[in-house]
Amino acid sequence: MSHETGAAQPGRPAEKKDRKDRKDEEGWFERGVALRAGFYIFATHLFAGFIWLLFYLGGHAHK
């Protein structure tokens, strides 16, 4: 069978492509994790600042 496709043949180019695809997927995954962690850190600090503001305003309220 001399008309086999390149994807069906186990050769070096297909292996390189598979490694590159996996590396790209890992890169996207790492970027997603970093973005999510950054958002969670930012949101947590924002929430903590809001709570601090409530305590500050409550402590200075005229009773």
PDB file of N, CA and C in Angstrom:
ATOM      1  N   MET A   1       0.835  -1.179   0.000  1.00  0.00           N
ATOM      2  CA  MET A   1       0.000   0.000   0.000  1.00  0.00           C
ATOM      3  C   MET A   1       0.881   1.244   0.000  1.00  0.00           C
ATOM      4  N   SER A   2       1.040   1.809  -1.102  1.00  0.00           N
ATOM      5  CA  SER A   2       1.908   2.968  -1.201  1.00  0.00           C
ATOM      6  C   SER A   2       1.149   4.287  -1.061  1.00  0.00           C
ATOM      7  N   HIS A   3      -0.174   4.232  -0.912  1.00  0.00           N
ATOM      8  CA  HIS A   3      -0.972   5.450  -0.827  1.00  0.00           C
ATOM      9  C   HIS A   3      -1.483   5.700   0.589  1.00  0.00           C
ATOM     10  N   GLU A   4      -0.671   5.398   1.572  1.00  0.00           N
ATOM     11  CA  GLU A   4      -1.087   5.650   2.961  1.00  0.00           C
ATOM     12  C   GLU A   4      -0.940   7.125   3.280  1.00  0.00           C
ATOM     13  N   THR A   5      -1.762   7.596   4.156  1.00  0.00           N
ATOM     14  CA  THR A   5      -1.695   9.007   4.530  1.00  0.00           C
ATOM     15  C   THR A   5      -0.567   9.225   5.528  1.00  0.00           C
ATOM     16  N   GLY A   6      -0.140  10.461   5.674  1.00  0.00           N
ATOM     17  CA  GLY A   6       0.929  10.808   6.598  1.00  0.00           C
ATOM     18  C   GLY A   6       0.518  10.594   8.047  1.00  0.00           C
ATOM     19  N   ALA A   7      -0.769  10.785   8.360  1.00  0.00           N
ATOM     20  CA  ALA A   7      -1.224  10.619   9.739  1.00  0.00           C
ATOM     21  C   ALA A   7      -1.221   9.150  10.149  1.00  0.00           C
ATOM     22  N   ALA A   8      -1.421   8.260   9.183  1.00  0.00           N
ATOM     23  CA  ALA A   8      -1.476   6.841   9.505  1.00  0.00           C
ATOM     24  C   ALA A   8      -0.081   6.235   9.651  1.00  0.00           C
ATOM     25  N   GLN A   9       0.918   6.852   9.060  1.00  0.00           N
ATOM     26  CA  GLN A   9       2.271   6.317   9.131  1.00  0.00           C
ATOM     27  C   GLN A   9       2.943   6.762  10.421  1.00  0.00           C
ATOM     28  N   PRO A  10       3.467   5.796  11.183  1.00  0.00           N
ATOM     29  CA  PRO A  10       4.197   6.185  12.390  1.00  0.00           C
ATOM     30  C   PRO A  10       5.579   6.694  12.013  1.00  0.00           C
ATOM     31  N   GLY A  11       5.727   7.966  11.924  1.00  0.00           N
ATOM     32  CA  GLY A  11       7.006   8.537  11.521  1.00  0.00           C
ATOM     33  C   GLY A  11       7.355   9.737  12.364  1.00  0.00           C
ATOM     34  N   ARG A  12       8.479  10.270  12.086  1.00  0.00           N
ATOM     35  CA  ARG A  12       8.975  11.391  12.860  1.00  0.00           C
ATOM     36  C   ARG A  12       8.097  12.647  12.758  1.00  0.00           C
ATOM     37  N   PRO A  13       7.625  13.049  11.579  1.00  0.00           N
ATOM     38  CA  PRO A  13       6.817  14.270  11.501  1.00  0.00           C
ATOM     39  C   PRO A  13       5.535  14.180  12.342  1.00  0.00           C
ATOM     40  N   ALA A  14       4.871  13.037  12.341  1.00  0.00           N
ATOM     41  CA  ALA A  14       3.649  12.892  13.129  1.00  0.00           C
ATOM     42  C   ALA A  14       3.969  12.968  14.618  1.00  0.00           C
ATOM     43  N   GLU A  15       5.098  12.379  15.033  1.00  0.00           N
ATOM     44  CA  GLU A  15       5.475  12.441  16.444  1.00  0.00           C
ATOM     45  C   GLU A  15       5.794  13.871  16.862  1.00  0.00           C
ATOM     46  N   LYS A  16       6.470  14.603  16.008  1.00  0.00           N
ATOM     47  CA  LYS A  16       6.772  16.005  16.323  1.00  0.00           C
ATOM     48  C   LYS A  16       5.491  16.801  16.466  1.00  0.00           C
ATOM     49  N   LYS A  17       4.543  16.546  15.572  1.00  0.00           N
ATOM     50  CA  LYS A  17       3.284  17.273  15.627  1.00  0.00           C
ATOM     51  C   LYS A  17       2.542  16.941  16.923  1.00  0.00           C
ATOM     52  N   ASP A  18       2.533  15.660  17.302  1.00  0.00           N
ATOM     53  CA  ASP A  18       1.862  15.267  18.538  1.00  0.00           C
ATOM     54  C   ASP A  18       2.510  15.948  19.740  1.00  0.00           C
ATOM     55  N   ARG A  19       3.822  15.986  19.784  1.00  0.00           N
ATOM     56  CA  ARG A  19       4.523  16.644  20.890  1.00  0.00           C
ATOM     57  C   ARG A  19       4.217  18.135  20.912  1.00  0.00           C
ATOM     58  N   LYS A  20       4.183  18.748  19.734  1.00  0.00           N
ATOM     59  CA  LYS A  20       3.897  20.180  19.652  1.00  0.00           C
ATOM     60  C   LYS A  20       2.468  20.455  20.109  1.00  0.00           C
ATOM     61  N   ASP A  21       1.524  19.609  19.700  1.00  0.00           N
ATOM     62  CA  ASP A  21       0.134  19.791  20.130  1.00  0.00           C
ATOM     63  C   ASP A  21       0.017  19.664  21.642  1.00  0.00           C
ATOM     64  N   ARG A  22       0.690  18.675  22.209  1.00  0.00           N
ATOM     65  CA  ARG A  22       0.647  18.505  23.669  1.00  0.00           C
ATOM     66  C   ARG A  22       1.268  19.698  24.380  1.00  0.00           C
ATOM     67  N   LYS A  23       2.374  20.202  23.828  1.00  0.00           N
ATOM     68  CA  LYS A  23       3.039  21.354  24.436  1.00  0.00           C
ATOM     69  C   LYS A  23       2.132  22.583  24.364  1.00  0.00           C
ATOM     70  N   ASP A  24       1.436  22.771  23.234  1.00  0.00           N
ATOM     71  CA  ASP A  24       0.503  23.893  23.103  1.00  0.00           C
ATOM     72  C   ASP A  24      -0.638  23.767  24.101  1.00  0.00           C
ATOM     73  N   GLU A  25      -1.163  22.548  24.260  1.00  0.00           N
ATOM     74  CA  GLU A  25      -2.251  22.330  25.212  1.00  0.00           C
ATOM     75  C   GLU A  25      -1.775  22.604  26.638  1.00  0.00           C
ATOM     76  N   GLU A  26      -0.562  22.181  26.963  1.00  0.00           N
ATOM     77  CA  GLU A  26      -0.021  22.448  28.299  1.00  0.00           C
ATOM     78  C   GLU A  26       0.165  23.941  28.511  1.00  0.00           C
ATOM     79  N   GLY A  27       0.577  24.643  27.480  1.00  0.00           N
ATOM     80  CA  GLY A  27       0.753  26.091  27.578  1.00  0.00           C
ATOM     81  C   GLY A  27      -0.569  26.787  27.848  1.00  0.00           C
ATOM     82  N   TRP A  28      -1.606  26.369  27.124  1.00  0.00           N
ATOM     83  CA  TRP A  28      -2.935  26.953  27.358  1.00  0.00           C
ATOM     84  C   TRP A  28      -3.420  26.631  28.762  1.00  0.00           C
ATOM     85  N   PHE A  29      -3.168  25.404  29.198  1.00  0.00           N
ATOM     86  CA  PHE A  29      -3.600  24.996  30.544  1.00  0.00           C
ATOM     87  C   PHE A  29      -2.884  25.827  31.597  1.00  0.00           C
ATOM     88  N   GLU A  30      -1.570  25.999  31.444  1.00  0.00           N
ATOM     89  CA  GLU A  30      -0.795  26.786  32.407  1.00  0.00           C
ATOM     90  C   GLU A  30      -1.252  28.246  32.416  1.00  0.00           C
ATOM     91  N   ARG A  31      -1.530  28.793  31.228  1.00  0.00           N
ATOM     92  CA  ARG A  31      -2.025  30.165  31.157  1.00  0.00           C
ATOM     93  C   ARG A  31      -3.378  30.285  31.831  1.00  0.00           C
ATOM     94  N   GLY A  32      -4.238  29.290  31.635  1.00  0.00           N
ATOM     95  CA  GLY A  32      -5.557  29.297  32.263  1.00  0.00           C
ATOM     96  C   GLY A  32      -5.469  29.233  33.775  1.00  0.00           C
ATOM     97  N   VAL A  33      -4.569  28.395  34.275  1.00  0.00           N
ATOM     98  CA  VAL A  33      -4.391  28.280  35.722  1.00  0.00           C
ATOM     99  C   VAL A  33      -3.861  29.587  36.294  1.00  0.00           C
ATOM    100  N   ALA A  34      -2.888  30.183  35.625  1.00  0.00           N
ATOM    101  CA  ALA A  34      -2.323  31.450  36.099  1.00  0.00           C
ATOM    102  C   ALA A  34      -3.374  32.558  36.079  1.00  0.00           C
ATOM    103  N   LEU A  35      -4.173  32.606  35.017  1.00  0.00           N
ATOM    104  CA  LEU A  35      -5.224  33.612  34.918  1.00  0.00           C
ATOM    105  C   LEU A  35      -6.270  33.416  36.013  1.00  0.00           C
ATOM    106  N   ARG A  36      -6.671  32.181  36.227  1.00  0.00           N
ATOM    107  CA  ARG A  36      -7.665  31.880  37.259  1.00  0.00           C
ATOM    108  C   ARG A  36      -7.123  32.215  38.651  1.00  0.00           C
ATOM    109  N   ALA A  37      -5.883  31.859  38.910  1.00  0.00           N
ATOM    110  CA  ALA A  37      -5.278  32.161  40.220  1.00  0.00           C
ATOM    111  C   ALA A  37      -5.177  33.665  40.421  1.00  0.00           C
ATOM    112  N   GLY A  38      -4.771  34.394  39.397  1.00  0.00           N
ATOM    113  CA  GLY A  38      -4.701  35.847  39.499  1.00  0.00           C
ATOM    114  C   GLY A  38      -6.060  36.463  39.765  1.00  0.00           C
ATOM    115  N   PHE A  39      -7.079  35.958  39.095  1.00  0.00           N
ATOM    116  CA  PHE A  39      -8.430  36.469  39.319  1.00  0.00           C
ATOM    117  C   PHE A  39      -8.894  36.174  40.741  1.00  0.00           C
ATOM    118  N   TYR A  40      -8.646  34.958  41.224  1.00  0.00           N
ATOM    119  CA  TYR A  40      -9.063  34.605  42.587  1.00  0.00           C
ATOM    120  C   TYR A  40      -8.341  35.467  43.625  1.00  0.00           C
ATOM    121  N   ILE A  41      -7.063  35.714  43.414  1.00  0.00           N
ATOM    122  CA  ILE A  41      -6.307  36.560  44.346  1.00  0.00           C
ATOM    123  C   ILE A  41      -6.861  37.981  44.329  1.00  0.00           C
ATOM    124  N   PHE A  42      -7.108  38.525  43.135  1.00  0.00           N
ATOM    125  CA  PHE A  42      -7.659  39.862  43.007  1.00  0.00           C
ATOM    126  C   PHE A  42      -9.045  39.946  43.650  1.00  0.00           C
ATOM    127  N   ALA A  43      -9.908  38.969  43.355  1.00  0.00           N
ATOM    128  CA  ALA A  43     -11.266  38.977  43.900  1.00  0.00           C
ATOM    129  C   ALA A  43     -11.254  38.839  45.421  1.00  0.00           C
ATOM    130  N   THR A  44     -10.363  38.018  45.949  1.00  0.00           N
ATOM    131  CA  THR A  44     -10.264  37.850  47.402  1.00  0.00           C
ATOM    132  C   THR A  44      -9.830  39.152  48.071  1.00  0.00           C
ATOM    133  N   HIS A  45      -8.860  39.836  47.499  1.00  0.00           N
ATOM    134  CA  HIS A  45      -8.423  41.115  48.062  1.00  0.00           C
ATOM    135  C   HIS A  45      -9.521  42.178  47.952  1.00  0.00           C
ATOM    136  N   LEU A  46     -10.241  42.156  46.861  1.00  0.00           N
ATOM    137  CA  LEU A  46     -11.346  43.098  46.696  1.00  0.00           C
ATOM    138  C   LEU A  46     -12.425  42.845  47.753  1.00  0.00           C
ATOM    139  N   PHE A  47     -12.768  41.594  47.971  1.00  0.00           N
ATOM    140  CA  PHE A  47     -13.761  41.234  48.982  1.00  0.00           C
ATOM    141  C   PHE A  47     -13.265  41.619  50.382  1.00  0.00           C
ATOM    142  N   ALA A  48     -11.990  41.348  50.676  1.00  0.00           N
ATOM    143  CA  ALA A  48     -11.430  41.700  51.983  1.00  0.00           C
ATOM    144  C   ALA A  48     -11.441  43.216  52.177  1.00  0.00           C
ATOM    145  N   GLY A  49     -11.147  43.975  51.128  1.00  0.00           N
ATOM    146  CA  GLY A  49     -11.199  45.429  51.211  1.00  0.00           C
ATOM    147  C   GLY A  49     -12.606  45.927  51.480  1.00  0.00           C
ATOM    148  N   PHE A  50     -13.597  45.277  50.871  1.00  0.00           N
ATOM    149  CA  PHE A  50     -14.993  45.654  51.109  1.00  0.00           C
ATOM    150  C   PHE A  50     -15.384  45.383  52.557  1.00  0.00           C
ATOM    151  N   ILE A  51     -14.996  44.227  53.082  1.00  0.00           N
ATOM    152  CA  ILE A  51     -15.295  43.902  54.483  1.00  0.00           C
ATOM    153  C   ILE A  51     -14.600  44.908  55.415  1.00  0.00           C
ATOM    154  N   TRP A  52     -13.324  45.226  55.112  1.00  0.00           N
ATOM    155  CA  TRP A  52     -12.595  46.203  55.919  1.00  0.00           C
ATOM    156  C   TRP A  52     -13.312  47.543  55.894  1.00  0.00           C
ATOM    157  N   LEU A  53     -13.805  47.961  54.721  1.00  0.00           N
ATOM    158  CA  LEU A  53     -14.524  49.219  54.598  1.00  0.00           C
ATOM    159  C   LEU A  53     -15.795  49.208  55.451  1.00  0.00           C
ATOM    160  N   LEU A  54     -16.522  48.092  55.466  1.00  0.00           N
ATOM    161  CA  LEU A  54     -17.726  47.995  56.292  1.00  0.00           C
ATOM    162  C   LEU A  54     -17.385  48.152  57.774  1.00  0.00           C
ATOM    163  N   PHE A  55     -16.325  47.490  58.233  1.00  0.00           N
ATOM    164  CA  PHE A  55     -15.917  47.628  59.639  1.00  0.00           C
ATOM    165  C   PHE A  55     -15.468  49.058  59.937  1.00  0.00           C
ATOM    166  N   TYR A  56     -14.737  49.668  59.010  1.00  0.00           N
ATOM    167  CA  TYR A  56     -14.263  51.040  59.211  1.00  0.00           C
ATOM    168  C   TYR A  56     -15.449  52.002  59.327  1.00  0.00           C
ATOM    169  N   LEU A  57     -16.386  51.890  58.392  1.00  0.00           N
ATOM    170  CA  LEU A  57     -17.544  52.769  58.425  1.00  0.00           C
ATOM    171  C   LEU A  57     -18.427  52.503  59.641  1.00  0.00           C
ATOM    172  N   GLY A  58     -18.552  51.243  60.014  1.00  0.00           N
ATOM    173  CA  GLY A  58     -19.343  50.900  61.197  1.00  0.00           C
ATOM    174  C   GLY A  58     -18.720  51.428  62.469  1.00  0.00           C
ATOM    175  N   GLY A  59     -17.408  51.432  62.546  1.00  0.00           N
ATOM    176  CA  GLY A  59     -16.711  51.920  63.725  1.00  0.00           C
ATOM    177  C   GLY A  59     -16.767  53.429  63.859  1.00  0.00           C
ATOM    178  N   HIS A  60     -16.931  54.115  62.765  1.00  0.00           N
ATOM    179  CA  HIS A  60     -16.975  55.581  62.775  1.00  0.00           C
ATOM    180  C   HIS A  60     -18.397  56.127  62.651  1.00  0.00           C
ATOM    181  N   ALA A  61     -19.372  55.257  62.718  1.00  0.00           N
ATOM    182  CA  ALA A  61     -20.766  55.707  62.598  1.00  0.00           C
ATOM    183  C   ALA A  61     -21.181  56.429  63.872  1.00  0.00           C
ATOM    184  N   HIS A  62     -21.987  57.451  63.718  1.00  0.00           N
ATOM    185  CA  HIS A  62     -22.512  58.202  64.876  1.00  0.00           C
ATOM    186  C   HIS A  62     -23.701  57.448  65.448  1.00  0.00           C
ATOM    187  N   LYS A  63     -23.576  57.096  66.716  1.00  0.00           N
ATOM    188  CA  LYS A  63     -24.643  56.318  67.343  1.00  0.00           C
ATOM    189  C   LYS A  63     -25.491  57.179  68.237  1.00  0.00           C
TER     190      LYS A  63
END
